Structures are given as structure tokens and as C-alpha cells.
Amino acid sequence: MELRHLRYFLAVAEELNFSRAALRLHIAQPPLSQQIRQLEDELGLQLFERGSRPLRLTEAGRFFKTEALELLAKLDQAIVGTRRIARGDVGWIGIGYVGSAMALLLPQVLRRFHAEHPGVEVLLFEMLVTDQADALLDRRIHVGFVRPVLGHDGLIEETLYEEPMVIAMPVDHPMATRDSVAIAELADEPFVLYGGRTARQVIGGDFILSQLRAGGIEPKIAVESQYVESALGLVAAGMGVALTAAGFRHVPRFGVRFVPVAAPAPSIPMRVVCRGEERSPTVLAFLKIVRDVAGRLPPFWS
């Protein structure tokens, strides 16, 4: 028995007329009658009362019609589901991210991904860079957004863009109204540092500290915070200033002003990372959207 036998049978069972069923199936009537005979021979019973006018189903035929409809509906559902999985339209995806990814890039990525793949559940985890590496290798997340560089065997990193860095200052800071500030002018300022001491050690030297030192100062660390969001809260509280990514300028924050760094201004890469052997259609679809959105971001000071 083949699927065409079921489809032919259902056409005749619904039309109760071989001629109309043949027209519906776009085949001649004799081959259709032959296919129904083959099906009945295989089942060892009659599905139709052929002497009746109009054509009627036998009791066995009525039962077979019900079962065939259900079977083909399940088959169609399986085909649709399989195609959705192949397109990455179902399932779940775990996303790890550093706080600055949520300032500009990630909200746009998530909005578009949800619009194109509404059946996929997205789980978000704000994580330090080193925690993302562990989560990726343990398969607790599928994709990470890190900066500046992770550098871990088994993981593939891709730079999405370079983001200029800015000075986050309390709004009442004397320099907060300036068009730009040179790092060297901040030699006596207390700094709020973020990223986690352990994470900075694993990465191999703190990126923020290296940029400040490259600007000619040895920063005075007033307080440290694990995450950039809490660091900006400390800036608003007047605990110090912080060097951070320009994308935060697009996120209104009470009590903080972001001032560009005078040229030559440092920048920090935003990178996306996943497992090297990743083949999930859902993940690949997500990464495609990430690249497209990253390539369309507006200038950071527009």
C-alpha cells in the first residue's frame, strides 16, 4: 500500500463518484478504478458498494476513511514540522551576553528573530565572558556575545563591529557637558571598574585598564562591579567615572552622561561566539540575523 492509494481512496470516498474523483485528481477514471481495486485486493475487502446508486461506502470503508484522514493529517503535520525544524522555526535557543550587547545590538536581533521564528523559545542569560565559555562548552547556551576576545579552543568567534568607547560620568560632573574628554584628563578621577576580577585575569589582562593606561594614566579604582549595568548605577551615585561602550548612549539612564573620548579614541569589538561544530538550523538562522542587524546599525553618535 502506498500513500497515493490513500489519497485516491479519500477522493472517491468524499466525492462518492469515480468521474468527479478522477477530475479532482487530474487522472483518467480507468486508472483510478484500477488503483481502488488494488487497494481493496490488498486489504481483502470491499470499500465501496459498487451496485448502489449513488456510490456508497461499506461499513469497513467508512472506518477506513476515518483512519485514512487521520493518518494523512498526521503525515502532513509531520512534514510541516520537519520543514519548520529544518528552517529553524521551532525549538529553543540559549543566548549568553555581556551587558553592553543589550544596549543596542541584541534588542534589534531579538525583535527580528521573534518576528521570523515565533515558534522558537529564546532564553537569555547575562554572563561574564568566561562564564559564557563554560556555558557554551557545557551546551547550556548556544550563542554568546562577548568582548573583547574570548580565545577558547572549540569555540568560533566572529567580530561584528568595533564600538567606540566613552566616559560615563555623573550628570553633575564638571566635565559632563564637554564635547569630548581626553583620558589623560582623568588621571585624578576615581574609576568604577567592571567585568569581574577573575574574568579579567583569565582573559589575560583587563581591556579597560589597558585602554586607560594607553591613554597615559594609571587609574584609581574606587569600586569594582561584576556587571556594567551595576557599574553605571555606581557612576550615577557619584562613586566615580567609567570607560564603557558608546552603545549605552542609546539607552536613557538617569544620572549618567556619556562623553566621547578625545581622539585617538579607543574602541572595543563586539563578538559573537558559538561552538565550532554548531549545525542547528535554529542557531544558524539566529546567527544570520545577528550578522545582518550588526551590519545595519546606525553610527554610534547619530
Protein backbone atom coordinates (compact mmCIF):
# COMPACT_ATOMS: atom_id res chain seq x y z
CA MET A 1 0.00 0.00 0.00
CA GLU A 2 1.32 3.43 -0.97
CA LEU A 3 0.28 6.94 0.02
CA ARG A 4 -1.30 7.51 -3.38
CA HIS A 5 -3.74 4.66 -2.67
CA LEU A 6 -4.94 6.51 0.43
CA ARG A 7 -5.27 9.81 -1.41
CA TYR A 8 -7.13 8.17 -4.30
CA PHE A 9 -9.44 6.35 -1.90
CA LEU A 10 -10.24 9.53 0.02
CA ALA A 11 -11.05 11.41 -3.19
CA VAL A 12 -13.57 8.74 -4.19
CA ALA A 13 -14.90 8.42 -0.63
CA GLU A 14 -15.54 12.17 -0.44
CA GLU A 15 -16.95 12.60 -3.96
CA LEU A 16 -18.83 9.26 -4.00
CA ASN A 17 -18.35 9.36 -7.74
CA PHE A 18 -15.42 7.96 -9.72
CA SER A 19 -15.70 10.51 -12.53
CA ARG A 20 -15.65 13.53 -10.20
CA ALA A 21 -12.84 11.99 -8.13
CA ALA A 22 -10.78 11.43 -11.30
CA LEU A 23 -11.26 15.07 -12.32
CA ARG A 24 -10.24 16.19 -8.83
CA LEU A 25 -7.08 14.07 -9.00
CA HIS A 26 -6.32 15.07 -12.61
CA ILE A 27 -6.18 11.46 -13.78
CA ALA A 28 -8.35 9.32 -16.05
CA GLN A 29 -11.16 7.28 -14.50
CA PRO A 30 -9.95 3.77 -15.53
CA PRO A 31 -6.55 4.09 -13.75
CA LEU A 32 -8.35 5.42 -10.68
CA SER A 33 -10.74 2.47 -10.63
CA GLN A 34 -7.75 0.15 -11.01
CA GLN A 35 -5.94 1.75 -8.05
CA ILE A 36 -9.01 1.36 -5.83
CA ARG A 37 -9.29 -2.31 -6.87
CA GLN A 38 -5.63 -2.83 -5.95
CA LEU A 39 -6.25 -1.28 -2.54
CA GLU A 40 -9.29 -3.47 -1.92
CA ASP A 41 -7.37 -6.57 -3.03
CA GLU A 42 -4.55 -5.74 -0.63
CA LEU A 43 -7.00 -5.22 2.24
CA GLY A 44 -9.01 -8.29 1.28
CA LEU A 45 -12.36 -6.49 1.45
CA GLN A 46 -14.66 -4.11 -0.37
CA LEU A 47 -14.57 -0.43 0.47
CA PHE A 48 -17.46 0.60 -1.79
CA GLU A 49 -20.88 -0.87 -2.63
CA ARG A 50 -20.49 -0.61 -6.39
CA GLY A 51 -24.00 -1.73 -7.28
CA SER A 52 -25.55 1.16 -5.41
CA ARG A 53 -26.59 4.45 -6.95
CA PRO A 54 -25.21 6.78 -5.75
CA LEU A 55 -21.96 5.10 -4.77
CA ARG A 56 -21.78 4.24 -1.08
CA LEU A 57 -19.04 3.23 1.33
CA THR A 58 -19.27 -0.11 3.05
CA GLU A 59 -19.08 -0.16 6.84
CA ALA A 60 -15.40 -1.12 6.53
CA GLY A 61 -14.96 1.70 4.02
CA ARG A 62 -16.39 4.26 6.43
CA PHE A 63 -13.98 3.13 9.15
CA PHE A 64 -11.05 3.17 6.71
CA LYS A 65 -11.97 6.69 5.58
CA THR A 66 -11.83 7.98 9.16
CA GLU A 67 -8.47 6.34 9.81
CA ALA A 68 -7.01 7.42 6.46
CA LEU A 69 -8.00 11.05 7.09
CA GLU A 70 -6.30 10.97 10.48
CA LEU A 71 -3.22 9.26 9.09
CA LEU A 72 -2.76 11.77 6.26
CA ALA A 73 -3.37 14.68 8.63
CA LYS A 74 -0.60 13.37 10.89
CA LEU A 75 1.65 12.91 7.88
CA ASP A 76 1.03 16.48 6.73
CA GLN A 77 1.71 17.69 10.27
CA ALA A 78 4.96 15.71 10.36
CA ILE A 79 6.04 17.20 7.03
CA VAL A 80 5.27 20.74 8.16
CA GLY A 81 7.04 20.18 11.49
CA THR A 82 10.09 18.70 9.81
CA ARG A 83 10.35 21.63 7.44
CA ARG A 84 9.96 24.09 10.32
CA ILE A 85 12.79 22.39 12.20
CA ALA A 86 14.96 22.49 9.07
CA ARG A 87 14.28 26.24 8.79
CA GLY A 88 14.97 26.80 12.48
CA ASP A 89 11.37 27.77 13.26
CA VAL A 90 10.84 25.60 16.35
CA GLY A 91 12.72 24.60 19.48
CA TRP A 92 14.73 26.84 21.81
CA ILE A 93 17.93 28.81 21.77
CA GLY A 94 20.01 29.92 24.75
CA ILE A 95 21.80 33.26 24.46
CA GLY A 96 24.57 34.46 26.76
CA TYR A 97 25.57 38.10 26.61
CA VAL A 98 27.61 40.84 28.21
CA GLY A 99 25.56 43.83 29.31
CA SER A 100 26.71 46.12 26.52
CA ALA A 101 25.20 43.78 23.90
CA MET A 102 21.77 44.65 25.29
CA ALA A 103 22.38 48.38 24.82
CA LEU A 104 21.90 48.41 21.06
CA LEU A 105 22.52 45.17 19.15
CA LEU A 106 20.64 42.44 20.97
CA PRO A 107 17.21 44.10 21.27
CA GLN A 108 17.09 44.55 17.49
CA VAL A 109 18.27 40.99 16.90
CA LEU A 110 15.65 39.57 19.27
CA ARG A 111 12.84 41.63 17.75
CA ARG A 112 13.60 40.39 14.25
CA PHE A 113 14.28 36.80 15.28
CA HIS A 114 10.94 36.61 17.10
CA ALA A 115 9.14 38.04 14.06
CA GLU A 116 10.72 35.49 11.72
CA HIS A 117 10.77 32.50 14.09
CA PRO A 118 7.86 32.94 16.53
CA GLY A 119 7.86 29.26 17.48
CA VAL A 120 11.36 29.36 18.98
CA GLU A 121 11.73 29.96 22.71
CA VAL A 122 14.62 32.33 23.48
CA LEU A 123 16.36 32.07 26.86
CA LEU A 124 18.62 34.98 27.84
CA PHE A 125 21.46 34.90 30.35
CA GLU A 126 23.62 37.89 31.24
CA MET A 127 27.04 36.37 31.90
CA LEU A 128 30.67 37.25 32.30
CA VAL A 129 32.81 36.35 29.31
CA THR A 130 34.45 33.33 30.95
CA ASP A 131 31.09 32.05 32.19
CA GLN A 132 29.83 32.14 28.62
CA ALA A 133 32.71 29.94 27.50
CA ASP A 134 31.82 27.33 30.12
CA ALA A 135 28.11 27.53 29.26
CA LEU A 136 28.80 27.07 25.55
CA LEU A 137 31.05 24.07 26.10
CA ASP A 138 28.51 22.56 28.54
CA ARG A 139 25.72 23.20 25.97
CA ARG A 140 23.74 25.36 28.39
CA ILE A 141 23.68 28.13 25.79
CA HIS A 142 24.04 28.11 22.00
CA VAL A 143 25.38 31.59 21.26
CA GLY A 144 27.33 34.16 23.23
CA PHE A 145 28.02 37.86 22.83
CA VAL A 146 31.42 38.70 24.26
CA ARG A 147 34.02 41.43 24.34
CA PRO A 148 36.79 41.96 23.78
CA VAL A 149 38.13 38.46 22.96
CA LEU A 150 37.40 35.05 24.42
CA GLY A 151 40.02 32.89 22.69
CA HIS A 152 38.92 29.37 23.63
CA ASP A 153 39.57 26.08 21.81
CA GLY A 154 36.39 24.53 20.42
CA LEU A 155 34.63 27.88 20.05
CA ILE A 156 34.40 30.11 17.00
CA GLU A 157 34.41 33.89 17.45
CA GLU A 158 33.43 36.48 14.89
CA THR A 159 33.87 40.23 15.20
CA LEU A 160 30.60 42.00 14.38
CA TYR A 161 31.78 45.60 14.70
CA GLU A 162 34.15 47.92 16.54
CA GLU A 163 32.39 50.16 19.04
CA PRO A 164 33.96 53.41 20.23
CA MET A 165 34.40 53.79 23.96
CA VAL A 166 33.10 56.69 26.01
CA ILE A 167 33.41 58.05 29.53
CA ALA A 168 30.34 57.53 31.70
CA MET A 169 30.11 60.40 34.19
CA PRO A 170 27.65 61.62 36.80
CA VAL A 171 25.49 64.32 35.20
CA ASP A 172 26.79 66.91 37.66
CA HIS A 173 30.45 66.16 36.92
CA PRO A 174 32.37 69.29 35.80
CA MET A 175 33.36 67.56 32.54
CA ALA A 176 29.91 66.11 31.79
CA THR A 177 28.96 68.97 29.46
CA ARG A 178 32.13 68.70 27.39
CA ASP A 179 32.05 67.57 23.76
CA SER A 180 34.94 65.21 24.47
CA VAL A 181 37.39 64.31 27.21
CA ALA A 182 40.95 63.05 26.89
CA ILE A 183 41.79 60.04 29.03
CA ALA A 184 44.82 61.89 30.38
CA GLU A 185 42.46 64.46 31.94
CA LEU A 186 41.01 61.73 34.15
CA ALA A 187 44.23 60.91 36.00
CA ASP A 188 42.85 62.11 39.33
CA GLU A 189 39.33 60.72 38.88
CA PRO A 190 38.07 57.67 40.81
CA PHE A 191 37.08 54.88 38.42
CA VAL A 192 34.33 52.28 38.57
CA LEU A 193 35.70 49.08 37.05
CA TYR A 194 33.51 46.21 35.88
CA GLY A 195 33.86 42.75 34.41
CA GLY A 196 34.91 40.71 37.42
CA ARG A 197 38.47 40.33 38.67
CA THR A 198 38.62 36.58 37.86
CA ALA A 199 37.28 37.13 34.35
CA ARG A 200 39.89 39.79 33.65
CA GLN A 201 42.68 37.51 34.85
CA VAL A 202 41.52 34.62 32.64
CA ILE A 203 41.22 36.84 29.58
CA GLY A 204 44.85 37.86 30.10
CA GLY A 205 44.89 41.45 31.30
CA ASP A 206 41.96 43.77 31.69
CA PHE A 207 40.93 45.50 28.48
CA ILE A 208 39.55 48.55 30.25
CA LEU A 209 42.71 49.01 32.32
CA SER A 210 44.90 48.57 29.24
CA GLN A 211 42.98 51.30 27.38
CA LEU A 212 43.25 53.71 30.29
CA ARG A 213 46.96 53.04 30.63
CA ALA A 214 47.39 53.52 26.89
CA GLY A 215 45.78 56.92 27.39
CA GLY A 216 48.56 57.86 29.78
CA ILE A 217 47.09 57.27 33.24
CA GLU A 218 47.21 54.67 36.00
CA PRO A 219 43.54 54.66 37.01
CA LYS A 220 42.49 54.96 40.62
CA ILE A 221 39.98 52.17 41.17
CA ALA A 222 37.33 53.32 43.64
CA VAL A 223 34.99 50.34 43.33
CA GLU A 224 34.60 47.19 41.22
CA SER A 225 31.42 45.62 39.88
CA GLN A 226 30.69 42.35 38.14
CA TYR A 227 28.36 43.80 35.52
CA VAL A 228 28.31 47.01 33.52
CA GLU A 229 24.70 47.80 34.46
CA SER A 230 25.56 47.94 38.15
CA ALA A 231 28.74 49.88 37.32
CA LEU A 232 26.65 52.57 35.62
CA GLY A 233 24.43 52.69 38.68
CA LEU A 234 27.52 53.38 40.76
CA VAL A 235 28.50 56.15 38.34
CA ALA A 236 25.06 57.71 38.76
CA ALA A 237 25.58 57.55 42.52
CA GLY A 238 28.75 59.64 42.17
CA MET A 239 31.16 56.81 43.03
CA GLY A 240 33.38 57.53 40.03
CA VAL A 241 33.58 57.52 36.25
CA ALA A 242 33.76 54.51 33.93
CA LEU A 243 35.11 53.74 30.48
CA THR A 244 32.39 51.89 28.59
CA ALA A 245 30.94 51.24 25.14
CA ALA A 246 29.22 54.04 23.22
CA GLY A 247 26.12 51.94 22.62
CA PHE A 248 24.90 52.80 26.11
CA ARG A 249 24.27 56.31 24.85
CA HIS A 250 21.17 54.90 23.12
CA VAL A 251 19.76 53.67 26.44
CA PRO A 252 18.43 56.52 28.64
CA ARG A 253 19.99 56.30 32.09
CA PHE A 254 19.10 58.60 34.95
CA GLY A 255 22.07 60.42 36.43
CA VAL A 256 24.67 59.43 33.81
CA ARG A 257 26.06 61.26 30.81
CA PHE A 258 28.25 59.63 28.18
CA VAL A 259 31.05 61.82 26.88
CA PRO A 260 33.14 60.84 23.82
CA VAL A 261 36.82 60.18 24.35
CA ALA A 262 39.04 62.66 22.52
CA ALA A 263 40.97 61.28 19.55
CA PRO A 264 42.60 58.89 19.34
CA ALA A 265 39.58 57.24 20.97
CA PRO A 266 39.82 53.56 21.94
CA SER A 267 37.29 51.08 20.61
CA ILE A 268 36.15 47.64 21.68
CA PRO A 269 34.95 44.80 19.42
CA MET A 270 31.56 43.18 19.82
CA ARG A 271 31.98 39.50 19.05
CA VAL A 272 29.56 36.62 18.62
CA VAL A 273 30.70 33.14 19.61
CA CYS A 274 29.32 29.63 19.18
CA ARG A 275 30.57 26.05 19.22
CA GLY A 276 32.77 25.11 16.30
CA GLU A 277 30.62 22.12 15.35
CA GLU A 278 27.31 24.00 15.56
CA ARG A 279 24.87 22.81 12.88
CA SER A 280 21.48 23.59 14.41
CA PRO A 281 19.23 25.31 11.83
CA THR A 282 17.80 27.45 14.63
CA VAL A 283 21.23 28.66 15.71
CA LEU A 284 22.39 29.23 12.14
CA ALA A 285 19.24 31.25 11.43
CA PHE A 286 19.87 33.32 14.56
CA LEU A 287 23.49 33.98 13.56
CA LYS A 288 22.40 35.08 10.09
CA ILE A 289 20.10 37.67 11.65
CA VAL A 290 22.87 38.79 14.04
CA ARG A 291 25.23 39.48 11.15
CA ASP A 292 22.58 41.31 9.16
CA VAL A 293 21.49 43.51 12.09
CA ALA A 294 25.10 44.27 13.05
CA GLY A 295 25.81 45.41 9.51
CA ARG A 296 22.86 47.83 9.60
CA LEU A 297 23.47 49.51 12.96
CA PRO A 298 23.42 53.31 12.86
CA PRO A 299 26.56 55.29 13.69
CA PHE A 300 27.06 55.23 17.43
CA TRP A 301 26.84 59.02 17.68
CA SER A 302 23.94 59.56 15.24
